[in-house]
Amino acid sequence: MTPTEFREYILVTYDSIANFAAPGYEDADINIFVNAAQEDYVKSMYSDISNLGRIGFEETEKRSKDLSELKRFEDITPFISPANHGSDSLFVELPDNYLLTVNEEATISFTSCGATASERVPVKPIREDYYNANVKNPYKRPDNGLVWRIDASRTDTTLPVTSTKKRHELVLGTGSTFNTYHLSYIKYPKSIDVSDTTNLVGFCELDPSTHRAIADMAVQYMLEAARQPRFQTSVFKESRVIE
């Protein structure tokens, strides 16, 4: 869809469901609902517990294509050490546009048979309770073949979140040295502006196959904001789910 087609589809669908009884919306208002819908759509396509089909990211060809345009790769080397969990832990700063993790690995160095070896190993996301339960377990704690990752606070908690970077905390095995954090992630989608008719192709970063579903979600939010009977939007939402 072009921005004009996207806008017209939203208005026609909204009016047809509301029977012209609900208040109208200006372009600036529509943009608010559209961008909320876009963000919610991305999150629902990533997680298998937030969509009706219980299908997660990359579990099907469609799910993979839905978010493919938002997928990015980053090799991160700057770090802060030590971090919250002792001398074997460190912080890595995430990209400014980071939203959700797809895959993560780390290149580490360690001594093997008297020589220094370097290897790219898996990174395992864990919770604090898992760390506490297994940090002393030689069969589960990090070693030369595994790195743990724990979600951490931003770089400076005294500043507004928009001016600081998100971080991950990496926990390495004793004797390992961190080299590079390899991150595959989903970025924040660019904001949609339905009034911008100059950008006919890139007004929405997501694959064109997602545009109608995002527009339908925006209509749902518009109806609810206009205090239309909720059963209408519920039925509408159920009928528009695309697996």
C-alpha atoms as a PDB file:
ATOM      1  CA  MET A   1       0.000   0.000   0.000  1.00  0.00           C
ATOM      2  CA  THR A   2       0.962   3.636  -0.504  1.00  0.00           C
ATOM      3  CA  PRO A   3       0.408   6.090   2.383  1.00  0.00           C
ATOM      4  CA  THR A   4      -2.787   7.314   0.705  1.00  0.00           C
ATOM      5  CA  GLU A   5      -4.129   3.778   0.187  1.00  0.00           C
ATOM      6  CA  PHE A   6      -3.199   2.893   3.759  1.00  0.00           C
ATOM      7  CA  ARG A   7      -5.039   5.926   5.116  1.00  0.00           C
ATOM      8  CA  GLU A   8      -8.108   5.379   2.947  1.00  0.00           C
ATOM      9  CA  TYR A   9      -8.337   1.719   3.920  1.00  0.00           C
ATOM     10  CA  ILE A  10      -8.277   2.667   7.615  1.00  0.00           C
ATOM     11  CA  LEU A  11     -10.941   5.355   7.238  1.00  0.00           C
ATOM     12  CA  VAL A  12     -13.274   3.236   5.097  1.00  0.00           C
ATOM     13  CA  THR A  13     -12.968   0.246   7.435  1.00  0.00           C
ATOM     14  CA  TYR A  14     -13.455   2.426  10.504  1.00  0.00           C
ATOM     15  CA  ASP A  15     -16.550   4.111   9.087  1.00  0.00           C
ATOM     16  CA  SER A  16     -18.075   0.845   7.890  1.00  0.00           C
ATOM     17  CA  ILE A  17     -17.819  -0.722  11.349  1.00  0.00           C
ATOM     18  CA  ALA A  18     -18.789   2.393  13.281  1.00  0.00           C
ATOM     19  CA  ASN A  19     -21.697   3.082  10.889  1.00  0.00           C
ATOM     20  CA  PHE A  20     -20.553   6.714  10.698  1.00  0.00           C
ATOM     21  CA  ALA A  21     -21.680   7.191  14.323  1.00  0.00           C
ATOM     22  CA  ALA A  22     -18.206   7.464  15.848  1.00  0.00           C
ATOM     23  CA  PRO A  23     -16.114  10.654  15.875  1.00  0.00           C
ATOM     24  CA  GLY A  24     -13.705  11.260  13.023  1.00  0.00           C
ATOM     25  CA  TYR A  25      -9.927  11.328  13.284  1.00  0.00           C
ATOM     26  CA  GLU A  26      -7.339  13.657  11.752  1.00  0.00           C
ATOM     27  CA  ASP A  27      -4.119  12.346  10.194  1.00  0.00           C
ATOM     28  CA  ALA A  28      -2.105  13.150  13.333  1.00  0.00           C
ATOM     29  CA  ASP A  29      -4.550  11.075  15.388  1.00  0.00           C
ATOM     30  CA  ILE A  30      -4.451   8.204  12.905  1.00  0.00           C
ATOM     31  CA  ASN A  31      -0.650   8.188  13.074  1.00  0.00           C
ATOM     32  CA  ILE A  32      -0.782   7.614  16.843  1.00  0.00           C
ATOM     33  CA  PHE A  33      -3.015   4.559  16.449  1.00  0.00           C
ATOM     34  CA  VAL A  34      -1.104   3.244  13.422  1.00  0.00           C
ATOM     35  CA  ASN A  35       2.278   3.385  15.147  1.00  0.00           C
ATOM     36  CA  ALA A  36       0.891   1.771  18.301  1.00  0.00           C
ATOM     37  CA  ALA A  37      -0.531  -0.980  16.089  1.00  0.00           C
ATOM     38  CA  GLN A  38       2.751  -1.383  14.225  1.00  0.00           C
ATOM     39  CA  GLU A  39       4.736  -1.844  17.443  1.00  0.00           C
ATOM     40  CA  ASP A  40       2.185  -4.278  18.867  1.00  0.00           C
ATOM     41  CA  TYR A  41       2.143  -6.208  15.598  1.00  0.00           C
ATOM     42  CA  VAL A  42       5.931  -6.610  15.634  1.00  0.00           C
ATOM     43  CA  LYS A  43       5.891  -7.850  19.225  1.00  0.00           C
ATOM     44  CA  SER A  44       3.028 -10.260  18.536  1.00  0.00           C
ATOM     45  CA  MET A  45       4.828 -11.732  15.528  1.00  0.00           C
ATOM     46  CA  TYR A  46       7.994 -12.219  17.599  1.00  0.00           C
ATOM     47  CA  SER A  47       6.405 -14.015  20.538  1.00  0.00           C
ATOM     48  CA  ASP A  48       4.450 -17.265  20.365  1.00  0.00           C
ATOM     49  CA  ILE A  49       2.339 -16.357  23.408  1.00  0.00           C
ATOM     50  CA  SER A  50       1.015 -13.003  22.219  1.00  0.00           C
ATOM     51  CA  ASN A  51      -0.771 -14.071  19.039  1.00  0.00           C
ATOM     52  CA  LEU A  52      -3.764 -16.323  18.594  1.00  0.00           C
ATOM     53  CA  GLY A  53      -1.929 -18.920  16.530  1.00  0.00           C
ATOM     54  CA  ARG A  54       0.815 -19.358  19.171  1.00  0.00           C
ATOM     55  CA  ILE A  55       3.377 -19.127  16.380  1.00  0.00           C
ATOM     56  CA  GLY A  56       6.730 -17.532  17.154  1.00  0.00           C
ATOM     57  CA  PHE A  57       9.240 -15.674  15.013  1.00  0.00           C
ATOM     58  CA  GLU A  58      10.811 -17.785  12.225  1.00  0.00           C
ATOM     59  CA  GLU A  59       8.599 -20.806  13.058  1.00  0.00           C
ATOM     60  CA  THR A  60       6.890 -20.385   9.687  1.00  0.00           C
ATOM     61  CA  GLU A  61       7.835 -18.795   6.385  1.00  0.00           C
ATOM     62  CA  LYS A  62       5.245 -16.065   6.885  1.00  0.00           C
ATOM     63  CA  ARG A  63       6.460 -15.146  10.378  1.00  0.00           C
ATOM     64  CA  SER A  64      10.012 -14.884   9.070  1.00  0.00           C
ATOM     65  CA  LYS A  65       8.972 -12.688   6.135  1.00  0.00           C
ATOM     66  CA  ASP A  66       6.781 -10.470   8.338  1.00  0.00           C
ATOM     67  CA  LEU A  67       9.768  -9.170  10.299  1.00  0.00           C
ATOM     68  CA  SER A  68      12.604  -9.769   7.844  1.00  0.00           C
ATOM     69  CA  GLU A  69      12.925  -6.070   6.968  1.00  0.00           C
ATOM     70  CA  LEU A  70      13.555  -5.236  10.629  1.00  0.00           C
ATOM     71  CA  LYS A  71      16.265  -7.830  11.180  1.00  0.00           C
ATOM     72  CA  ARG A  72      19.754  -6.444  11.835  1.00  0.00           C
ATOM     73  CA  PHE A  73      23.203  -7.803  12.776  1.00  0.00           C
ATOM     74  CA  GLU A  74      25.789  -6.134  14.996  1.00  0.00           C
ATOM     75  CA  ASP A  75      29.256  -7.097  16.242  1.00  0.00           C
ATOM     76  CA  ILE A  76      29.794  -5.308  19.561  1.00  0.00           C
ATOM     77  CA  THR A  77      33.266  -4.958  21.062  1.00  0.00           C
ATOM     78  CA  PRO A  78      33.242  -2.040  23.557  1.00  0.00           C
ATOM     79  CA  PHE A  79      32.383  -3.262  27.052  1.00  0.00           C
ATOM     80  CA  ILE A  80      32.412  -2.287  30.725  1.00  0.00           C
ATOM     81  CA  SER A  81      33.917  -4.697  33.258  1.00  0.00           C
ATOM     82  CA  PRO A  82      33.322  -5.875  35.893  1.00  0.00           C
ATOM     83  CA  ALA A  83      29.519  -5.828  35.904  1.00  0.00           C
ATOM     84  CA  ASN A  84      26.918  -6.797  38.501  1.00  0.00           C
ATOM     85  CA  HIS A  85      28.008 -10.412  38.893  1.00  0.00           C
ATOM     86  CA  GLY A  86      31.691 -10.228  39.678  1.00  0.00           C
ATOM     87  CA  SER A  87      34.979 -10.182  37.828  1.00  0.00           C
ATOM     88  CA  ASP A  88      33.798 -12.706  35.220  1.00  0.00           C
ATOM     89  CA  SER A  89      30.901 -10.473  34.091  1.00  0.00           C
ATOM     90  CA  LEU A  90      30.768  -7.419  31.845  1.00  0.00           C
ATOM     91  CA  PHE A  91      28.286  -5.013  30.245  1.00  0.00           C
ATOM     92  CA  VAL A  92      27.806  -4.572  26.496  1.00  0.00           C
ATOM     93  CA  GLU A  93      25.836  -1.629  25.114  1.00  0.00           C
ATOM     94  CA  LEU A  94      23.117  -2.465  22.595  1.00  0.00           C
ATOM     95  CA  PRO A  95      22.373  -0.576  19.347  1.00  0.00           C
ATOM     96  CA  ASP A  96      20.184   2.516  19.653  1.00  0.00           C
ATOM     97  CA  ASN A  97      17.439   0.934  17.530  1.00  0.00           C
ATOM     98  CA  TYR A  98      17.455  -2.428  19.368  1.00  0.00           C
ATOM     99  CA  LEU A  99      14.019  -3.856  20.175  1.00  0.00           C
ATOM    100  CA  LEU A 100      14.176  -7.664  20.523  1.00  0.00           C
ATOM    101  CA  THR A 101      16.882 -10.327  20.348  1.00  0.00           C
ATOM    102  CA  VAL A 102      16.838 -12.964  17.605  1.00  0.00           C
ATOM    103  CA  ASN A 103      20.154 -14.726  18.256  1.00  0.00           C
ATOM    104  CA  GLU A 104      23.357 -14.019  20.158  1.00  0.00           C
ATOM    105  CA  GLU A 105      26.857 -15.462  20.274  1.00  0.00           C
ATOM    106  CA  ALA A 106      30.202 -14.346  21.677  1.00  0.00           C
ATOM    107  CA  THR A 107      33.791 -14.765  20.601  1.00  0.00           C
ATOM    108  CA  ILE A 108      35.945 -15.495  23.643  1.00  0.00           C
ATOM    109  CA  SER A 109      39.581 -16.392  24.265  1.00  0.00           C
ATOM    110  CA  PHE A 110      40.902 -18.939  26.756  1.00  0.00           C
ATOM    111  CA  THR A 111      43.917 -21.113  27.433  1.00  0.00           C
ATOM    112  CA  SER A 112      43.745 -24.623  26.031  1.00  0.00           C
ATOM    113  CA  CYS A 113      46.645 -27.107  26.249  1.00  0.00           C
ATOM    114  CA  GLY A 114      49.031 -24.315  27.143  1.00  0.00           C
ATOM    115  CA  ALA A 115      48.085 -22.141  24.149  1.00  0.00           C
ATOM    116  CA  THR A 116      45.609 -19.299  23.735  1.00  0.00           C
ATOM    117  CA  ALA A 117      42.533 -20.334  21.770  1.00  0.00           C
ATOM    118  CA  SER A 118      39.666 -18.227  20.401  1.00  0.00           C
ATOM    119  CA  GLU A 119      36.204 -19.581  19.737  1.00  0.00           C
ATOM    120  CA  ARG A 120      32.725 -18.317  18.859  1.00  0.00           C
ATOM    121  CA  VAL A 121      30.327 -19.819  21.404  1.00  0.00           C
ATOM    122  CA  PRO A 122      26.580 -19.692  22.157  1.00  0.00           C
ATOM    123  CA  VAL A 123      25.138 -17.099  24.523  1.00  0.00           C
ATOM    124  CA  LYS A 124      22.357 -18.371  26.793  1.00  0.00           C
ATOM    125  CA  PRO A 125      19.785 -15.875  28.174  1.00  0.00           C
ATOM    126  CA  ILE A 126      19.121 -16.580  31.847  1.00  0.00           C
ATOM    127  CA  ARG A 127      17.204 -15.094  34.790  1.00  0.00           C
ATOM    128  CA  GLU A 128      18.617 -14.021  38.135  1.00  0.00           C
ATOM    129  CA  ASP A 129      17.136 -17.063  39.885  1.00  0.00           C
ATOM    130  CA  TYR A 130      18.824 -19.373  37.366  1.00  0.00           C
ATOM    131  CA  TYR A 131      22.129 -17.600  38.000  1.00  0.00           C
ATOM    132  CA  ASN A 132      21.813 -18.004  41.766  1.00  0.00           C
ATOM    133  CA  ALA A 133      20.867 -21.675  41.457  1.00  0.00           C
ATOM    134  CA  ASN A 134      23.624 -22.668  39.013  1.00  0.00           C
ATOM    135  CA  VAL A 135      26.565 -20.272  39.321  1.00  0.00           C
ATOM    136  CA  LYS A 136      28.465 -22.841  41.405  1.00  0.00           C
ATOM    137  CA  ASN A 137      27.297 -25.850  39.412  1.00  0.00           C
ATOM    138  CA  PRO A 138      30.291 -26.992  37.275  1.00  0.00           C
ATOM    139  CA  TYR A 139      27.941 -28.731  34.829  1.00  0.00           C
ATOM    140  CA  LYS A 140      25.789 -25.684  34.093  1.00  0.00           C
ATOM    141  CA  ARG A 141      27.834 -22.552  34.773  1.00  0.00           C
ATOM    142  CA  PRO A 142      29.632 -20.800  31.872  1.00  0.00           C
ATOM    143  CA  ASP A 143      32.844 -22.345  30.577  1.00  0.00           C
ATOM    144  CA  ASN A 144      34.946 -22.217  27.437  1.00  0.00           C
ATOM    145  CA  GLY A 145      31.915 -23.259  25.383  1.00  0.00           C
ATOM    146  CA  LEU A 146      29.152 -21.087  26.847  1.00  0.00           C
ATOM    147  CA  VAL A 147      28.377 -17.521  27.950  1.00  0.00           C
ATOM    148  CA  TRP A 148      25.401 -16.457  30.043  1.00  0.00           C
ATOM    149  CA  ARG A 149      23.412 -13.292  29.347  1.00  0.00           C
ATOM    150  CA  ILE A 150      21.325 -11.353  31.872  1.00  0.00           C
ATOM    151  CA  ASP A 151      19.195  -8.294  31.083  1.00  0.00           C
ATOM    152  CA  ALA A 152      20.660  -5.182  32.717  1.00  0.00           C
ATOM    153  CA  SER A 153      19.693  -1.572  33.349  1.00  0.00           C
ATOM    154  CA  ARG A 154      20.597   1.213  30.966  1.00  0.00           C
ATOM    155  CA  THR A 155      23.977   2.951  31.042  1.00  0.00           C
ATOM    156  CA  ASP A 156      22.900   5.737  33.400  1.00  0.00           C
ATOM    157  CA  THR A 157      19.720   5.365  35.431  1.00  0.00           C
ATOM    158  CA  THR A 158      19.781   9.055  36.430  1.00  0.00           C
ATOM    159  CA  LEU A 159      19.156  10.231  32.851  1.00  0.00           C
ATOM    160  CA  PRO A 160      16.019   9.937  30.692  1.00  0.00           C
ATOM    161  CA  VAL A 161      15.816   6.516  29.065  1.00  0.00           C
ATOM    162  CA  THR A 162      15.816   8.099  25.603  1.00  0.00           C
ATOM    163  CA  SER A 163      19.358   9.430  26.137  1.00  0.00           C
ATOM    164  CA  THR A 164      20.928   6.211  27.424  1.00  0.00           C
ATOM    165  CA  LYS A 165      21.700   2.845  25.872  1.00  0.00           C
ATOM    166  CA  LYS A 166      20.194  -0.520  26.734  1.00  0.00           C
ATOM    167  CA  ARG A 167      22.664  -3.083  27.996  1.00  0.00           C
ATOM    168  CA  HIS A 168      23.155  -6.815  28.351  1.00  0.00           C
ATOM    169  CA  GLU A 169      25.329  -8.325  31.034  1.00  0.00           C
ATOM    170  CA  LEU A 170      27.498 -11.240  29.925  1.00  0.00           C
ATOM    171  CA  VAL A 171      28.853 -13.790  32.397  1.00  0.00           C
ATOM    172  CA  LEU A 172      31.915 -15.696  31.190  1.00  0.00           C
ATOM    173  CA  GLY A 173      33.592 -18.825  32.447  1.00  0.00           C
ATOM    174  CA  THR A 174      36.547 -18.404  34.806  1.00  0.00           C
ATOM    175  CA  GLY A 175      39.684 -17.747  32.771  1.00  0.00           C
ATOM    176  CA  SER A 176      37.817 -16.704  29.618  1.00  0.00           C
ATOM    177  CA  THR A 177      38.364 -13.309  27.982  1.00  0.00           C
ATOM    178  CA  PHE A 178      35.669 -11.492  26.031  1.00  0.00           C
ATOM    179  CA  ASN A 179      36.399 -10.421  22.445  1.00  0.00           C
ATOM    180  CA  THR A 180      33.144  -9.749  20.534  1.00  0.00           C
ATOM    181  CA  TYR A 181      29.405  -9.985  21.129  1.00  0.00           C
ATOM    182  CA  HIS A 182      27.563 -11.056  17.966  1.00  0.00           C
ATOM    183  CA  LEU A 183      23.951  -9.896  18.084  1.00  0.00           C
ATOM    184  CA  SER A 184      21.120 -10.585  15.650  1.00  0.00           C
ATOM    185  CA  TYR A 185      18.087  -8.486  16.576  1.00  0.00           C
ATOM    186  CA  ILE A 186      14.807  -6.895  15.558  1.00  0.00           C
ATOM    187  CA  LYS A 187      15.020  -3.109  15.356  1.00  0.00           C
ATOM    188  CA  TYR A 188      12.339  -0.593  16.211  1.00  0.00           C
ATOM    189  CA  PRO A 189      10.275   0.052  13.080  1.00  0.00           C
ATOM    190  CA  LYS A 190      10.344   3.508  11.597  1.00  0.00           C
ATOM    191  CA  SER A 191       7.291   5.608  12.477  1.00  0.00           C
ATOM    192  CA  ILE A 192       4.527   5.621   9.888  1.00  0.00           C
ATOM    193  CA  ASP A 193       3.118   8.934   8.662  1.00  0.00           C
ATOM    194  CA  VAL A 194      -0.059   8.459   6.606  1.00  0.00           C
ATOM    195  CA  SER A 195       0.067  12.085   5.473  1.00  0.00           C
ATOM    196  CA  ASP A 196       3.538  11.770   3.921  1.00  0.00           C
ATOM    197  CA  THR A 197       2.670  11.196   0.280  1.00  0.00           C
ATOM    198  CA  THR A 198       6.255  11.847  -0.873  1.00  0.00           C
ATOM    199  CA  ASN A 199       7.545   8.498   0.400  1.00  0.00           C
ATOM    200  CA  LEU A 200       5.430   6.045  -1.586  1.00  0.00           C
ATOM    201  CA  VAL A 201       7.600   2.966  -1.022  1.00  0.00           C
ATOM    202  CA  GLY A 202       9.342   3.280   2.356  1.00  0.00           C
ATOM    203  CA  PHE A 203       6.585   4.844   4.471  1.00  0.00           C
ATOM    204  CA  CYS A 204       6.385   1.500   6.334  1.00  0.00           C
ATOM    205  CA  GLU A 205       9.532  -0.591   6.824  1.00  0.00           C
ATOM    206  CA  LEU A 206       7.691  -3.869   7.284  1.00  0.00           C
ATOM    207  CA  ASP A 207       6.982  -6.224   4.409  1.00  0.00           C
ATOM    208  CA  PRO A 208       3.949  -5.063   2.332  1.00  0.00           C
ATOM    209  CA  SER A 209       2.131  -8.279   3.281  1.00  0.00           C
ATOM    210  CA  THR A 210       1.810  -6.891   6.837  1.00  0.00           C
ATOM    211  CA  HIS A 211       0.245  -3.535   5.952  1.00  0.00           C
ATOM    212  CA  ARG A 212      -3.373  -4.655   5.961  1.00  0.00           C
ATOM    213  CA  ALA A 213      -2.994  -6.444   9.316  1.00  0.00           C
ATOM    214  CA  ILE A 214      -1.425  -3.320  10.870  1.00  0.00           C
ATOM    215  CA  ALA A 215      -4.197  -1.147   9.449  1.00  0.00           C
ATOM    216  CA  ASP A 216      -6.815  -3.516  10.896  1.00  0.00           C
ATOM    217  CA  MET A 217      -5.199  -3.298  14.332  1.00  0.00           C
ATOM    218  CA  ALA A 218      -5.165   0.495  14.093  1.00  0.00           C
ATOM    219  CA  VAL A 219      -8.891   0.475  13.293  1.00  0.00           C
ATOM    220  CA  GLN A 220      -9.507  -1.705  16.334  1.00  0.00           C
ATOM    221  CA  TYR A 221      -7.685   0.811  18.548  1.00  0.00           C
ATOM    222  CA  MET A 222      -9.581   3.710  16.988  1.00  0.00           C
ATOM    223  CA  LEU A 223     -12.928   2.020  17.666  1.00  0.00           C
ATOM    224  CA  GLU A 224     -12.030   1.323  21.264  1.00  0.00           C
ATOM    225  CA  ALA A 225     -10.828   4.896  21.786  1.00  0.00           C
ATOM    226  CA  ALA A 226     -14.144   6.118  20.355  1.00  0.00           C
ATOM    227  CA  ARG A 227     -15.923   3.963  22.981  1.00  0.00           C
ATOM    228  CA  GLN A 228     -17.632   1.756  20.443  1.00  0.00           C
ATOM    229  CA  PRO A 229     -19.106  -1.491  21.862  1.00  0.00           C
ATOM    230  CA  ARG A 230     -16.147  -3.724  22.655  1.00  0.00           C
ATOM    231  CA  PHE A 231     -17.771  -6.856  21.277  1.00  0.00           C
ATOM    232  CA  GLN A 232     -17.579  -5.307  17.821  1.00  0.00           C
ATOM    233  CA  THR A 233     -13.802  -4.823  17.972  1.00  0.00           C
ATOM    234  CA  SER A 234     -13.314  -8.223  19.573  1.00  0.00           C
ATOM    235  CA  VAL A 235     -15.139  -9.971  16.756  1.00  0.00           C
ATOM    236  CA  PHE A 236     -13.364  -7.765  14.255  1.00  0.00           C
ATOM    237  CA  LYS A 237      -9.959  -8.657  15.707  1.00  0.00           C
ATOM    238  CA  GLU A 238     -10.670 -12.391  15.713  1.00  0.00           C
ATOM    239  CA  SER A 239     -11.754 -12.299  12.097  1.00  0.00           C
ATOM    240  CA  ARG A 240      -8.630 -10.444  10.938  1.00  0.00           C
ATOM    241  CA  VAL A 241      -5.930 -12.637  12.477  1.00  0.00           C
ATOM    242  CA  ILE A 242      -3.607 -13.906   9.770  1.00  0.00           C
ATOM    243  CA  GLU A 243      -1.578 -17.003  10.603  1.00  0.00           C
END
